[in-house]
Amino acid sequence: MSAALDLDILRRSRALWNRCRLDLESDEILAQILDRGEMASWRALYRLAREDSALRRRIARLVTTVPLPLPHFWLAALASLGEPVDFTAPLPSYEDGGI
């Protein structure tokens, strides 16, 4: 699948219900996709991250600082792409709204 198709999938993601456009340079929008995205948008984001080390680093930073429902899922995805991951590091609690 091409990057253009992946970006189109992300543009149509239900995670962006309150956004006018997709801006992957925005940490807030990226966090919304990680939090509220559906499987198709997560797959598209993974494919884009496979080719973009800066995107992988941003995802890693968000996963370790923003409460998300599936942080270990994203850490495993990043590890599969070759990113160094500390699975024992404390993560923000999604249920408690903080660490």
N, C-alpha and C. Protein backbone atom coordinates (compact mmCIF):
# COMPACT_ATOMS: atom_id res chain seq x y z
N MET A 1 0.85 -1.17 0.00
CA MET A 1 0.00 0.00 0.00
C MET A 1 0.90 1.24 0.00
N SER A 2 0.50 2.26 -0.68
CA SER A 2 1.31 3.47 -0.78
C SER A 2 1.04 4.42 0.39
N ALA A 3 1.99 5.33 0.60
CA ALA A 3 1.83 6.34 1.66
C ALA A 3 0.60 7.20 1.39
N ALA A 4 0.33 7.49 0.13
CA ALA A 4 -0.84 8.31 -0.21
C ALA A 4 -2.13 7.62 0.22
N LEU A 5 -2.22 6.31 0.01
CA LEU A 5 -3.42 5.57 0.43
C LEU A 5 -3.52 5.52 1.95
N ASP A 6 -2.37 5.35 2.61
CA ASP A 6 -2.38 5.33 4.08
C ASP A 6 -2.83 6.68 4.63
N LEU A 7 -2.35 7.76 4.03
CA LEU A 7 -2.78 9.09 4.48
C LEU A 7 -4.27 9.29 4.24
N ASP A 8 -4.79 8.76 3.14
CA ASP A 8 -6.23 8.85 2.88
C ASP A 8 -7.03 8.09 3.94
N ILE A 9 -6.54 6.92 4.31
CA ILE A 9 -7.20 6.14 5.37
C ILE A 9 -7.23 6.96 6.67
N LEU A 10 -6.09 7.57 6.99
CA LEU A 10 -6.03 8.37 8.22
C LEU A 10 -6.93 9.60 8.15
N ARG A 11 -7.03 10.21 6.99
CA ARG A 11 -7.92 11.38 6.83
C ARG A 11 -9.37 11.02 7.14
N ARG A 12 -9.75 9.78 6.83
CA ARG A 12 -11.14 9.34 7.03
C ARG A 12 -11.37 8.70 8.39
N SER A 13 -10.35 8.67 9.24
CA SER A 13 -10.46 8.01 10.54
C SER A 13 -11.51 8.68 11.42
N ARG A 14 -12.25 7.86 12.13
CA ARG A 14 -13.23 8.40 13.08
C ARG A 14 -12.55 9.14 14.23
N ALA A 15 -11.26 8.90 14.43
CA ALA A 15 -10.51 9.58 15.48
C ALA A 15 -10.43 11.08 15.23
N LEU A 16 -10.61 11.49 13.99
CA LEU A 16 -10.50 12.90 13.64
C LEU A 16 -11.86 13.57 13.53
N TRP A 17 -12.82 13.09 14.25
CA TRP A 17 -14.20 13.60 14.16
C TRP A 17 -14.28 15.10 14.45
N ASN A 18 -13.34 15.62 15.26
CA ASN A 18 -13.39 17.03 15.63
C ASN A 18 -12.31 17.85 14.92
N ARG A 19 -11.80 17.33 13.83
CA ARG A 19 -10.73 18.00 13.09
C ARG A 19 -11.17 18.28 11.66
N CYS A 20 -10.65 19.37 11.11
CA CYS A 20 -10.95 19.73 9.72
C CYS A 20 -10.04 19.00 8.75
N ARG A 21 -8.83 18.66 9.23
CA ARG A 21 -7.88 18.00 8.33
C ARG A 21 -6.89 17.18 9.13
N LEU A 22 -6.20 16.29 8.44
CA LEU A 22 -5.15 15.48 9.04
C LEU A 22 -3.85 16.27 9.02
N ASP A 23 -3.19 16.35 10.17
CA ASP A 23 -1.87 16.97 10.26
C ASP A 23 -1.02 16.07 11.15
N LEU A 24 -0.26 15.16 10.54
CA LEU A 24 0.52 14.22 11.32
C LEU A 24 1.70 14.87 12.04
N GLU A 25 1.96 16.13 11.76
CA GLU A 25 3.00 16.86 12.50
C GLU A 25 2.48 17.32 13.86
N SER A 26 1.17 17.26 14.06
CA SER A 26 0.55 17.67 15.31
C SER A 26 0.53 16.49 16.29
N ASP A 27 1.19 16.66 17.44
CA ASP A 27 1.16 15.61 18.45
C ASP A 27 -0.25 15.35 18.96
N GLU A 28 -1.05 16.39 19.02
CA GLU A 28 -2.42 16.23 19.49
C GLU A 28 -3.23 15.33 18.54
N ILE A 29 -3.08 15.55 17.26
CA ILE A 29 -3.80 14.73 16.28
C ILE A 29 -3.25 13.30 16.28
N LEU A 30 -1.93 13.16 16.37
CA LEU A 30 -1.34 11.83 16.43
C LEU A 30 -1.83 11.09 17.66
N ALA A 31 -1.90 11.77 18.79
CA ALA A 31 -2.41 11.15 20.02
C ALA A 31 -3.88 10.74 19.86
N GLN A 32 -4.67 11.55 19.17
CA GLN A 32 -6.07 11.19 18.93
C GLN A 32 -6.17 9.90 18.11
N ILE A 33 -5.31 9.77 17.12
CA ILE A 33 -5.33 8.54 16.30
C ILE A 33 -4.92 7.34 17.15
N LEU A 34 -3.88 7.50 17.99
CA LEU A 34 -3.46 6.41 18.86
C LEU A 34 -4.55 6.05 19.86
N ASP A 35 -5.30 7.03 20.31
CA ASP A 35 -6.34 6.82 21.32
C ASP A 35 -7.66 6.35 20.73
N ARG A 36 -8.13 7.02 19.70
CA ARG A 36 -9.49 6.80 19.20
C ARG A 36 -9.57 6.16 17.82
N GLY A 37 -8.41 5.88 17.22
CA GLY A 37 -8.43 5.32 15.87
C GLY A 37 -8.99 3.91 15.82
N GLU A 38 -9.39 3.51 14.63
CA GLU A 38 -9.85 2.16 14.41
C GLU A 38 -8.71 1.36 13.78
N MET A 39 -8.89 0.05 13.66
CA MET A 39 -7.83 -0.84 13.21
C MET A 39 -7.24 -0.40 11.86
N ALA A 40 -8.06 0.03 10.93
CA ALA A 40 -7.54 0.45 9.62
C ALA A 40 -6.61 1.65 9.75
N SER A 41 -6.96 2.59 10.61
CA SER A 41 -6.09 3.76 10.77
C SER A 41 -4.81 3.38 11.51
N TRP A 42 -4.89 2.45 12.45
CA TRP A 42 -3.68 2.00 13.15
C TRP A 42 -2.74 1.28 12.20
N ARG A 43 -3.31 0.48 11.32
CA ARG A 43 -2.47 -0.21 10.33
C ARG A 43 -1.79 0.80 9.40
N ALA A 44 -2.54 1.79 8.97
CA ALA A 44 -1.98 2.83 8.10
C ALA A 44 -0.87 3.59 8.83
N LEU A 45 -1.08 3.92 10.09
CA LEU A 45 -0.07 4.62 10.88
C LEU A 45 1.18 3.75 11.04
N TYR A 46 1.00 2.47 11.27
CA TYR A 46 2.13 1.53 11.39
C TYR A 46 2.94 1.51 10.09
N ARG A 47 2.24 1.42 8.96
CA ARG A 47 2.96 1.38 7.67
C ARG A 47 3.74 2.68 7.44
N LEU A 48 3.15 3.81 7.81
CA LEU A 48 3.87 5.08 7.67
C LEU A 48 5.07 5.13 8.61
N ALA A 49 4.90 4.65 9.84
CA ALA A 49 5.99 4.66 10.82
C ALA A 49 7.12 3.72 10.41
N ARG A 50 6.79 2.68 9.68
CA ARG A 50 7.81 1.74 9.21
C ARG A 50 8.88 2.46 8.40
N GLU A 51 8.48 3.50 7.67
CA GLU A 51 9.40 4.23 6.80
C GLU A 51 9.86 5.57 7.39
N ASP A 52 9.39 5.94 8.58
CA ASP A 52 9.64 7.27 9.11
C ASP A 52 10.11 7.18 10.57
N SER A 53 11.42 7.26 10.77
CA SER A 53 11.96 7.12 12.13
C SER A 53 11.51 8.26 13.05
N ALA A 54 11.34 9.45 12.50
CA ALA A 54 10.87 10.58 13.33
C ALA A 54 9.45 10.31 13.83
N LEU A 55 8.60 9.75 13.00
CA LEU A 55 7.24 9.40 13.41
C LEU A 55 7.28 8.33 14.49
N ARG A 56 8.16 7.35 14.34
CA ARG A 56 8.30 6.31 15.37
C ARG A 56 8.71 6.92 16.71
N ARG A 57 9.66 7.84 16.69
CA ARG A 57 10.10 8.47 17.94
C ARG A 57 8.98 9.29 18.58
N ARG A 58 8.19 9.97 17.76
CA ARG A 58 7.06 10.74 18.30
C ARG A 58 6.01 9.83 18.91
N ILE A 59 5.73 8.72 18.24
CA ILE A 59 4.77 7.75 18.78
C ILE A 59 5.29 7.23 20.12
N ALA A 60 6.57 6.89 20.19
CA ALA A 60 7.16 6.38 21.44
C ALA A 60 7.03 7.42 22.55
N ARG A 61 7.30 8.67 22.24
CA ARG A 61 7.19 9.73 23.25
C ARG A 61 5.75 9.87 23.73
N LEU A 62 4.80 9.84 22.81
CA LEU A 62 3.39 9.98 23.19
C LEU A 62 2.93 8.80 24.03
N VAL A 63 3.33 7.60 23.64
CA VAL A 63 2.90 6.40 24.38
C VAL A 63 3.41 6.44 25.81
N THR A 64 4.57 7.03 26.02
CA THR A 64 5.14 7.06 27.38
C THR A 64 4.74 8.29 28.19
N THR A 65 4.01 9.23 27.57
CA THR A 65 3.63 10.44 28.30
C THR A 65 2.14 10.73 28.30
N VAL A 66 1.38 10.13 27.40
CA VAL A 66 -0.05 10.41 27.27
C VAL A 66 -0.82 9.15 27.65
N PRO A 67 -1.82 9.25 28.51
CA PRO A 67 -2.64 8.06 28.82
C PRO A 67 -3.35 7.55 27.56
N LEU A 68 -3.05 6.32 27.17
CA LEU A 68 -3.66 5.69 25.99
C LEU A 68 -4.22 4.34 26.40
N PRO A 69 -5.24 3.86 25.70
CA PRO A 69 -5.85 2.59 26.09
C PRO A 69 -4.99 1.36 25.81
N LEU A 70 -4.06 1.42 24.86
CA LEU A 70 -3.27 0.24 24.50
C LEU A 70 -1.78 0.57 24.39
N PRO A 71 -1.17 1.07 25.45
CA PRO A 71 0.23 1.49 25.32
C PRO A 71 1.18 0.33 24.99
N HIS A 72 0.95 -0.84 25.56
CA HIS A 72 1.85 -1.97 25.28
C HIS A 72 1.70 -2.46 23.84
N PHE A 73 0.53 -2.32 23.28
CA PHE A 73 0.32 -2.63 21.86
C PHE A 73 1.25 -1.76 21.01
N TRP A 74 1.26 -0.46 21.30
CA TRP A 74 2.09 0.46 20.53
C TRP A 74 3.57 0.24 20.79
N LEU A 75 3.94 -0.08 22.03
CA LEU A 75 5.34 -0.37 22.32
C LEU A 75 5.79 -1.62 21.56
N ALA A 76 4.95 -2.64 21.51
CA ALA A 76 5.29 -3.85 20.75
C ALA A 76 5.41 -3.55 19.26
N ALA A 77 4.52 -2.71 18.75
CA ALA A 77 4.59 -2.33 17.34
C ALA A 77 5.89 -1.60 17.05
N LEU A 78 6.27 -0.68 17.94
CA LEU A 78 7.52 0.05 17.76
C LEU A 78 8.72 -0.88 17.85
N ALA A 79 8.69 -1.82 18.78
CA ALA A 79 9.79 -2.79 18.91
C ALA A 79 9.91 -3.62 17.63
N SER A 80 8.78 -3.98 17.04
CA SER A 80 8.82 -4.77 15.81
C SER A 80 9.43 -3.99 14.65
N LEU A 81 9.43 -2.65 14.78
CA LEU A 81 10.03 -1.80 13.76
C LEU A 81 11.48 -1.44 14.10
N GLY A 82 12.00 -2.03 15.15
CA GLY A 82 13.40 -1.82 15.50
C GLY A 82 13.68 -0.71 16.49
N GLU A 83 12.63 -0.09 17.03
CA GLU A 83 12.83 0.97 18.01
C GLU A 83 13.19 0.35 19.36
N PRO A 84 14.11 0.98 20.09
CA PRO A 84 14.39 0.49 21.44
C PRO A 84 13.22 0.78 22.36
N VAL A 85 12.77 -0.22 23.08
CA VAL A 85 11.58 -0.09 23.93
C VAL A 85 11.89 -0.69 25.30
N ASP A 86 11.52 0.04 26.34
CA ASP A 86 11.62 -0.46 27.71
C ASP A 86 10.22 -0.84 28.17
N PHE A 87 9.93 -2.13 28.14
CA PHE A 87 8.60 -2.60 28.51
C PHE A 87 8.35 -2.51 30.01
N THR A 88 9.39 -2.23 30.79
CA THR A 88 9.23 -2.13 32.24
C THR A 88 9.04 -0.69 32.72
N ALA A 89 9.20 0.27 31.82
CA ALA A 89 9.05 1.68 32.20
C ALA A 89 7.60 1.96 32.60
N PRO A 90 7.40 2.81 33.59
CA PRO A 90 6.02 3.16 33.97
C PRO A 90 5.34 3.93 32.85
N LEU A 91 4.07 3.64 32.66
CA LEU A 91 3.28 4.29 31.62
C LEU A 91 2.10 5.01 32.26
N PRO A 92 1.65 6.10 31.64
CA PRO A 92 0.47 6.78 32.18
C PRO A 92 -0.74 5.85 32.19
N SER A 93 -1.53 5.92 33.22
CA SER A 93 -2.71 5.07 33.34
C SER A 93 -3.88 5.68 32.60
N TYR A 94 -4.45 4.93 31.70
CA TYR A 94 -5.62 5.40 30.96
C TYR A 94 -6.84 5.49 31.88
N GLU A 95 -6.96 4.55 32.79
CA GLU A 95 -8.12 4.54 33.69
C GLU A 95 -8.07 5.66 34.72
N ASP A 96 -6.87 5.97 35.19
CA ASP A 96 -6.72 6.98 36.24
C ASP A 96 -6.48 8.38 35.67
N GLY A 97 -6.22 8.47 34.36
CA GLY A 97 -5.96 9.77 33.75
C GLY A 97 -4.56 10.30 34.06
N GLY A 98 -3.65 9.45 34.51
CA GLY A 98 -2.28 9.84 34.81
C GLY A 98 -1.45 8.66 35.24
N ILE A 99 -0.26 8.91 35.70
CA ILE A 99 0.63 7.80 36.10
C ILE A 99 0.21 7.26 37.45
